[in-house]
Amino acid sequence: MGARHNPYFRKLLVGFDGSPQADKAVEVAMELAECLDAEVVVFAVAQLPKPATMVEVRRSWTMLVNTTRQFSKSL
């Protein structure tokens, strides 16, 4: 990089989640960084999965217990 045009903006941080809006944000950040002689840092974000409900936990537990019993009987 050459001499900085604006010493206040050396790095631009952009969040990316795979959406069309995030694509556009990265594109705009790249253009702005070029004008400012700055660096772009992109960080990826993702939504965490929702926790299981008690119904799902009970269903899974029941399946596990039944499978374990069936396996024990086959020995």
N, C-alpha and C. Protein backbone atom coordinates (compact mmCIF):
# COMPACT_ATOMS: atom_id res chain seq x y z
N MET A 1 0.83 -1.19 0.00
CA MET A 1 0.00 0.00 0.00
C MET A 1 0.87 1.24 0.00
N GLY A 2 0.37 2.26 -0.65
CA GLY A 2 1.08 3.54 -0.68
C GLY A 2 0.76 4.37 0.56
N ALA A 3 1.00 5.67 0.45
CA ALA A 3 0.70 6.57 1.55
C ALA A 3 -0.80 6.59 1.80
N ARG A 4 -1.18 6.61 3.04
CA ARG A 4 -2.59 6.59 3.41
C ARG A 4 -3.22 7.96 3.16
N HIS A 5 -4.39 7.95 2.51
CA HIS A 5 -5.11 9.19 2.26
C HIS A 5 -5.82 9.65 3.52
N ASN A 6 -6.21 8.68 4.36
CA ASN A 6 -6.95 8.98 5.57
C ASN A 6 -6.41 8.10 6.69
N PRO A 7 -5.63 8.64 7.59
CA PRO A 7 -5.01 7.81 8.63
C PRO A 7 -6.01 7.24 9.64
N TYR A 8 -7.25 7.70 9.61
CA TYR A 8 -8.23 7.24 10.59
C TYR A 8 -8.88 5.92 10.21
N PHE A 9 -8.87 5.60 8.94
CA PHE A 9 -9.49 4.37 8.48
C PHE A 9 -8.45 3.49 7.80
N ARG A 10 -7.72 2.76 8.60
CA ARG A 10 -6.70 1.86 8.07
C ARG A 10 -7.28 0.50 7.74
N LYS A 11 -8.29 0.10 8.53
CA LYS A 11 -8.94 -1.20 8.31
C LYS A 11 -10.45 -1.00 8.39
N LEU A 12 -11.15 -1.67 7.50
CA LEU A 12 -12.61 -1.67 7.51
C LEU A 12 -13.07 -3.08 7.85
N LEU A 13 -13.86 -3.21 8.89
CA LEU A 13 -14.36 -4.50 9.35
C LEU A 13 -15.77 -4.69 8.80
N VAL A 14 -15.99 -5.82 8.12
CA VAL A 14 -17.28 -6.09 7.49
C VAL A 14 -17.77 -7.47 7.91
N GLY A 15 -19.02 -7.53 8.40
CA GLY A 15 -19.63 -8.81 8.75
C GLY A 15 -20.21 -9.47 7.50
N PHE A 16 -20.09 -10.79 7.41
CA PHE A 16 -20.59 -11.52 6.25
C PHE A 16 -21.38 -12.73 6.71
N ASP A 17 -22.65 -12.82 6.24
CA ASP A 17 -23.49 -13.96 6.61
C ASP A 17 -24.00 -14.75 5.41
N GLY A 18 -23.47 -14.45 4.22
CA GLY A 18 -23.88 -15.16 3.03
C GLY A 18 -25.09 -14.57 2.34
N SER A 19 -25.67 -13.52 2.91
CA SER A 19 -26.86 -12.91 2.32
C SER A 19 -26.48 -11.97 1.17
N PRO A 20 -27.44 -11.63 0.31
CA PRO A 20 -27.16 -10.65 -0.75
C PRO A 20 -26.72 -9.30 -0.19
N GLN A 21 -27.28 -8.92 0.95
CA GLN A 21 -26.89 -7.66 1.58
C GLN A 21 -25.44 -7.69 2.04
N ALA A 22 -25.01 -8.84 2.54
CA ALA A 22 -23.61 -8.98 2.97
C ALA A 22 -22.68 -8.93 1.77
N ASP A 23 -23.09 -9.55 0.66
CA ASP A 23 -22.30 -9.46 -0.58
C ASP A 23 -22.09 -8.01 -0.98
N LYS A 24 -23.18 -7.25 -0.92
CA LYS A 24 -23.12 -5.83 -1.29
C LYS A 24 -22.24 -5.06 -0.31
N ALA A 25 -22.33 -5.37 0.98
CA ALA A 25 -21.52 -4.69 1.99
C ALA A 25 -20.03 -4.92 1.74
N VAL A 26 -19.66 -6.14 1.38
CA VAL A 26 -18.26 -6.44 1.08
C VAL A 26 -17.82 -5.68 -0.17
N GLU A 27 -18.68 -5.66 -1.17
CA GLU A 27 -18.36 -4.94 -2.40
C GLU A 27 -18.13 -3.45 -2.12
N VAL A 28 -19.02 -2.84 -1.36
CA VAL A 28 -18.89 -1.42 -1.02
C VAL A 28 -17.64 -1.18 -0.17
N ALA A 29 -17.37 -2.07 0.77
CA ALA A 29 -16.19 -1.93 1.62
C ALA A 29 -14.91 -1.99 0.78
N MET A 30 -14.89 -2.88 -0.21
CA MET A 30 -13.71 -2.99 -1.07
C MET A 30 -13.49 -1.70 -1.86
N GLU A 31 -14.57 -1.13 -2.37
CA GLU A 31 -14.46 0.13 -3.11
C GLU A 31 -14.00 1.26 -2.19
N LEU A 32 -14.59 1.33 -1.00
CA LEU A 32 -14.21 2.37 -0.04
C LEU A 32 -12.75 2.20 0.39
N ALA A 33 -12.35 0.97 0.63
CA ALA A 33 -10.97 0.71 1.05
C ALA A 33 -9.98 1.15 -0.02
N GLU A 34 -10.35 0.95 -1.27
CA GLU A 34 -9.47 1.38 -2.36
C GLU A 34 -9.31 2.90 -2.34
N CYS A 35 -10.42 3.60 -2.12
CA CYS A 35 -10.37 5.07 -2.07
C CYS A 35 -9.56 5.57 -0.88
N LEU A 36 -9.64 4.86 0.24
CA LEU A 36 -8.97 5.28 1.46
C LEU A 36 -7.60 4.65 1.63
N ASP A 37 -7.22 3.80 0.69
CA ASP A 37 -5.98 3.03 0.81
C ASP A 37 -5.98 2.26 2.14
N ALA A 38 -7.11 1.59 2.37
CA ALA A 38 -7.29 0.84 3.62
C ALA A 38 -7.38 -0.65 3.32
N GLU A 39 -7.41 -1.41 4.37
CA GLU A 39 -7.50 -2.87 4.29
C GLU A 39 -8.90 -3.30 4.71
N VAL A 40 -9.45 -4.32 4.06
CA VAL A 40 -10.77 -4.85 4.44
C VAL A 40 -10.57 -6.15 5.20
N VAL A 41 -11.23 -6.24 6.35
CA VAL A 41 -11.23 -7.46 7.14
C VAL A 41 -12.68 -7.95 7.19
N VAL A 42 -12.91 -9.16 6.70
CA VAL A 42 -14.25 -9.72 6.66
C VAL A 42 -14.35 -10.80 7.73
N PHE A 43 -15.41 -10.73 8.54
CA PHE A 43 -15.62 -11.81 9.51
C PHE A 43 -16.96 -12.46 9.21
N ALA A 44 -16.96 -13.78 9.30
CA ALA A 44 -18.17 -14.55 9.00
C ALA A 44 -19.00 -14.73 10.26
N VAL A 45 -20.30 -14.63 10.10
CA VAL A 45 -21.21 -14.83 11.21
C VAL A 45 -22.24 -15.88 10.81
N ALA A 46 -22.75 -16.60 11.78
CA ALA A 46 -23.76 -17.63 11.52
C ALA A 46 -24.71 -17.67 12.70
N GLN A 47 -25.94 -18.06 12.43
CA GLN A 47 -26.93 -18.19 13.48
C GLN A 47 -26.75 -19.54 14.16
N LEU A 48 -26.76 -19.55 15.48
CA LEU A 48 -26.66 -20.81 16.22
C LEU A 48 -27.96 -21.59 16.07
N PRO A 49 -27.86 -22.91 16.09
CA PRO A 49 -29.09 -23.70 16.01
C PRO A 49 -29.94 -23.48 17.26
N LYS A 50 -31.25 -23.63 17.10
CA LYS A 50 -32.15 -23.48 18.25
C LYS A 50 -31.99 -24.68 19.17
N PRO A 51 -32.09 -24.46 20.48
CA PRO A 51 -32.01 -25.59 21.41
C PRO A 51 -33.20 -26.53 21.20
N ALA A 52 -33.00 -27.78 21.51
CA ALA A 52 -34.07 -28.77 21.38
C ALA A 52 -35.16 -28.49 22.41
N THR A 53 -36.39 -28.79 22.04
CA THR A 53 -37.51 -28.66 22.98
C THR A 53 -37.53 -29.90 23.88
N MET A 54 -38.28 -29.82 24.96
CA MET A 54 -38.38 -30.98 25.86
C MET A 54 -39.01 -32.17 25.14
N VAL A 55 -39.94 -31.93 24.25
CA VAL A 55 -40.57 -33.02 23.48
C VAL A 55 -39.51 -33.73 22.65
N GLU A 56 -38.64 -32.96 21.98
CA GLU A 56 -37.59 -33.55 21.15
C GLU A 56 -36.58 -34.31 22.01
N VAL A 57 -36.26 -33.77 23.17
CA VAL A 57 -35.31 -34.44 24.07
C VAL A 57 -35.91 -35.75 24.56
N ARG A 58 -37.17 -35.72 24.98
CA ARG A 58 -37.82 -36.96 25.46
C ARG A 58 -37.89 -38.01 24.35
N ARG A 59 -38.24 -37.56 23.14
CA ARG A 59 -38.34 -38.48 22.00
C ARG A 59 -36.97 -39.12 21.73
N SER A 60 -35.93 -38.32 21.74
CA SER A 60 -34.58 -38.84 21.49
C SER A 60 -34.16 -39.79 22.60
N TRP A 61 -34.48 -39.41 23.85
CA TRP A 61 -34.11 -40.25 24.99
C TRP A 61 -34.83 -41.60 24.90
N THR A 62 -36.11 -41.57 24.56
CA THR A 62 -36.88 -42.81 24.42
C THR A 62 -36.30 -43.69 23.33
N MET A 63 -35.94 -43.11 22.20
CA MET A 63 -35.33 -43.87 21.11
C MET A 63 -34.01 -44.49 21.56
N LEU A 64 -33.21 -43.74 22.30
CA LEU A 64 -31.93 -44.24 22.78
C LEU A 64 -32.13 -45.41 23.73
N VAL A 65 -33.07 -45.26 24.66
CA VAL A 65 -33.34 -46.34 25.62
C VAL A 65 -33.84 -47.58 24.90
N ASN A 66 -34.76 -47.42 23.97
CA ASN A 66 -35.29 -48.57 23.23
C ASN A 66 -34.21 -49.26 22.41
N THR A 67 -33.37 -48.49 21.76
CA THR A 67 -32.28 -49.06 20.96
C THR A 67 -31.30 -49.80 21.85
N THR A 68 -31.01 -49.25 23.01
CA THR A 68 -30.09 -49.91 23.95
C THR A 68 -30.68 -51.22 24.44
N ARG A 69 -31.97 -51.24 24.74
CA ARG A 69 -32.62 -52.47 25.20
C ARG A 69 -32.59 -53.54 24.10
N GLN A 70 -32.91 -53.14 22.87
CA GLN A 70 -32.89 -54.09 21.75
C GLN A 70 -31.49 -54.65 21.53
N PHE A 71 -30.50 -53.76 21.62
CA PHE A 71 -29.13 -54.24 21.45
C PHE A 71 -28.73 -55.20 22.56
N SER A 72 -29.11 -54.89 23.80
CA SER A 72 -28.79 -55.77 24.94
C SER A 72 -29.42 -57.15 24.78
N LYS A 73 -30.66 -57.20 24.26
CA LYS A 73 -31.34 -58.47 24.05
C LYS A 73 -30.68 -59.32 22.99
N SER A 74 -30.05 -58.66 22.02
CA SER A 74 -29.42 -59.40 20.93
C SER A 74 -28.08 -60.02 21.33
N LEU A 75 -27.56 -59.67 22.49
CA LEU A 75 -26.27 -60.23 22.92
C LEU A 75 -26.39 -61.61 23.47
